[in-house]
Amino acid sequence: MVTRCVCFGQRFTALKKIARKNGARTFEELQRYVEFGHNCQRCRPYVNKMLATGETVFEVMKPDQAAEWEKPG
């Protein structure tokens, strides 16, 4: 299961709280408030899906699934 940004150790549950508190609706907006997603960016599709759905725990995405969620907002 995928539950965090590995490079920065930020759990999606924490990112979700920060997003809600600050009204961040995109990956880039959320990065204004917390350090994550600047290295490998493998968390991008998961964070985008989290922001869209509220989910914070994910099955590992296949490349085609990840590609759908890598797109901004």
C-alpha atoms as a PDB file:
ATOM      1  CA  MET A   1       0.000   0.000   0.000  1.00  0.00           C
ATOM      2  CA  VAL A   2       1.150   3.539  -0.715  1.00  0.00           C
ATOM      3  CA  THR A   3       0.591   5.918   2.205  1.00  0.00           C
ATOM      4  CA  ARG A   4       3.224   8.641   1.868  1.00  0.00           C
ATOM      5  CA  CYS A   5       5.727  10.626  -0.152  1.00  0.00           C
ATOM      6  CA  VAL A   6       8.778   8.421   0.296  1.00  0.00           C
ATOM      7  CA  CYS A   7      11.452  11.064  -0.383  1.00  0.00           C
ATOM      8  CA  PHE A   8      10.197  13.421   2.332  1.00  0.00           C
ATOM      9  CA  GLY A   9       8.368  10.939   4.566  1.00  0.00           C
ATOM     10  CA  GLN A  10       5.142  12.949   4.418  1.00  0.00           C
ATOM     11  CA  ARG A  11       2.087  10.785   5.051  1.00  0.00           C
ATOM     12  CA  PHE A  12      -0.931  11.428   2.863  1.00  0.00           C
ATOM     13  CA  THR A  13      -3.097  11.757   5.984  1.00  0.00           C
ATOM     14  CA  ALA A  14      -0.955  14.717   7.083  1.00  0.00           C
ATOM     15  CA  LEU A  15      -0.919  16.210   3.584  1.00  0.00           C
ATOM     16  CA  LYS A  16      -4.703  15.955   3.427  1.00  0.00           C
ATOM     17  CA  LYS A  17      -5.067  17.879   6.707  1.00  0.00           C
ATOM     18  CA  ILE A  18      -2.698  20.588   5.506  1.00  0.00           C
ATOM     19  CA  ALA A  19      -4.535  20.830   2.181  1.00  0.00           C
ATOM     20  CA  ARG A  20      -7.889  21.235   3.922  1.00  0.00           C
ATOM     21  CA  LYS A  21      -6.557  23.773   6.426  1.00  0.00           C
ATOM     22  CA  ASN A  22      -5.048  25.932   3.674  1.00  0.00           C
ATOM     23  CA  GLY A  23      -7.542  25.344   0.871  1.00  0.00           C
ATOM     24  CA  ALA A  24      -4.906  23.752  -1.384  1.00  0.00           C
ATOM     25  CA  ARG A  25      -6.543  22.037  -4.317  1.00  0.00           C
ATOM     26  CA  THR A  26      -3.547  21.112  -6.465  1.00  0.00           C
ATOM     27  CA  PHE A  27      -0.194  19.407  -5.973  1.00  0.00           C
ATOM     28  CA  GLU A  28       1.623  22.702  -6.524  1.00  0.00           C
ATOM     29  CA  GLU A  29      -0.637  24.643  -4.148  1.00  0.00           C
ATOM     30  CA  LEU A  30      -0.043  22.047  -1.436  1.00  0.00           C
ATOM     31  CA  GLN A  31       3.725  22.309  -1.945  1.00  0.00           C
ATOM     32  CA  ARG A  32       3.472  25.960  -0.842  1.00  0.00           C
ATOM     33  CA  TYR A  33       2.574  24.765   2.661  1.00  0.00           C
ATOM     34  CA  VAL A  34       4.630  21.594   3.126  1.00  0.00           C
ATOM     35  CA  GLU A  35       7.828  20.045   1.754  1.00  0.00           C
ATOM     36  CA  PHE A  36       7.116  16.987  -0.401  1.00  0.00           C
ATOM     37  CA  GLY A  37       7.226  15.792  -3.991  1.00  0.00           C
ATOM     38  CA  HIS A  38      10.323  17.678  -5.120  1.00  0.00           C
ATOM     39  CA  ASN A  39      12.608  14.685  -5.788  1.00  0.00           C
ATOM     40  CA  CYS A  40      11.341  11.619  -7.639  1.00  0.00           C
ATOM     41  CA  GLN A  41       7.720  12.858  -7.896  1.00  0.00           C
ATOM     42  CA  ARG A  42       6.405   9.304  -7.707  1.00  0.00           C
ATOM     43  CA  CYS A  43       3.885  10.562  -5.163  1.00  0.00           C
ATOM     44  CA  ARG A  44       2.337  13.005  -7.662  1.00  0.00           C
ATOM     45  CA  PRO A  45      -0.430  10.702  -8.953  1.00  0.00           C
ATOM     46  CA  TYR A  46      -1.284   9.598  -5.411  1.00  0.00           C
ATOM     47  CA  VAL A  47      -1.413  13.139  -4.046  1.00  0.00           C
ATOM     48  CA  ASN A  48      -3.510  14.276  -7.003  1.00  0.00           C
ATOM     49  CA  LYS A  49      -5.917  11.396  -6.379  1.00  0.00           C
ATOM     50  CA  MET A  50      -5.943  12.210  -2.650  1.00  0.00           C
ATOM     51  CA  LEU A  51      -6.843  15.824  -3.383  1.00  0.00           C
ATOM     52  CA  ALA A  52      -9.636  14.739  -5.741  1.00  0.00           C
ATOM     53  CA  THR A  53     -11.121  11.898  -3.695  1.00  0.00           C
ATOM     54  CA  GLY A  54     -10.002  12.315  -0.086  1.00  0.00           C
ATOM     55  CA  GLU A  55      -8.436   8.840  -0.068  1.00  0.00           C
ATOM     56  CA  THR A  56      -5.101   8.498   1.749  1.00  0.00           C
ATOM     57  CA  VAL A  57      -4.193   4.825   1.238  1.00  0.00           C
ATOM     58  CA  PHE A  58      -3.671   3.448  -2.246  1.00  0.00           C
ATOM     59  CA  GLU A  59      -2.847   0.252  -4.071  1.00  0.00           C
ATOM     60  CA  VAL A  60       0.285   0.656  -6.167  1.00  0.00           C
ATOM     61  CA  MET A  61      -0.823   2.201  -9.456  1.00  0.00           C
ATOM     62  CA  LYS A  62       0.038   0.632 -12.774  1.00  0.00           C
ATOM     63  CA  PRO A  63       1.765   3.015 -15.208  1.00  0.00           C
ATOM     64  CA  ASP A  64      -1.433   3.749 -17.155  1.00  0.00           C
ATOM     65  CA  GLN A  65      -3.340   4.478 -13.929  1.00  0.00           C
ATOM     66  CA  ALA A  66      -0.570   6.731 -12.649  1.00  0.00           C
ATOM     67  CA  ALA A  67      -0.468   8.604 -15.961  1.00  0.00           C
ATOM     68  CA  GLU A  68      -4.137   9.540 -15.545  1.00  0.00           C
ATOM     69  CA  TRP A  69      -3.471  11.058 -12.103  1.00  0.00           C
ATOM     70  CA  GLU A  70      -0.170  12.760 -12.981  1.00  0.00           C
ATOM     71  CA  LYS A  71      -2.043  15.460 -14.863  1.00  0.00           C
ATOM     72  CA  PRO A  72      -2.683  18.679 -12.919  1.00  0.00           C
ATOM     73  CA  GLY A  73      -6.045  19.206 -11.233  1.00  0.00           C
END
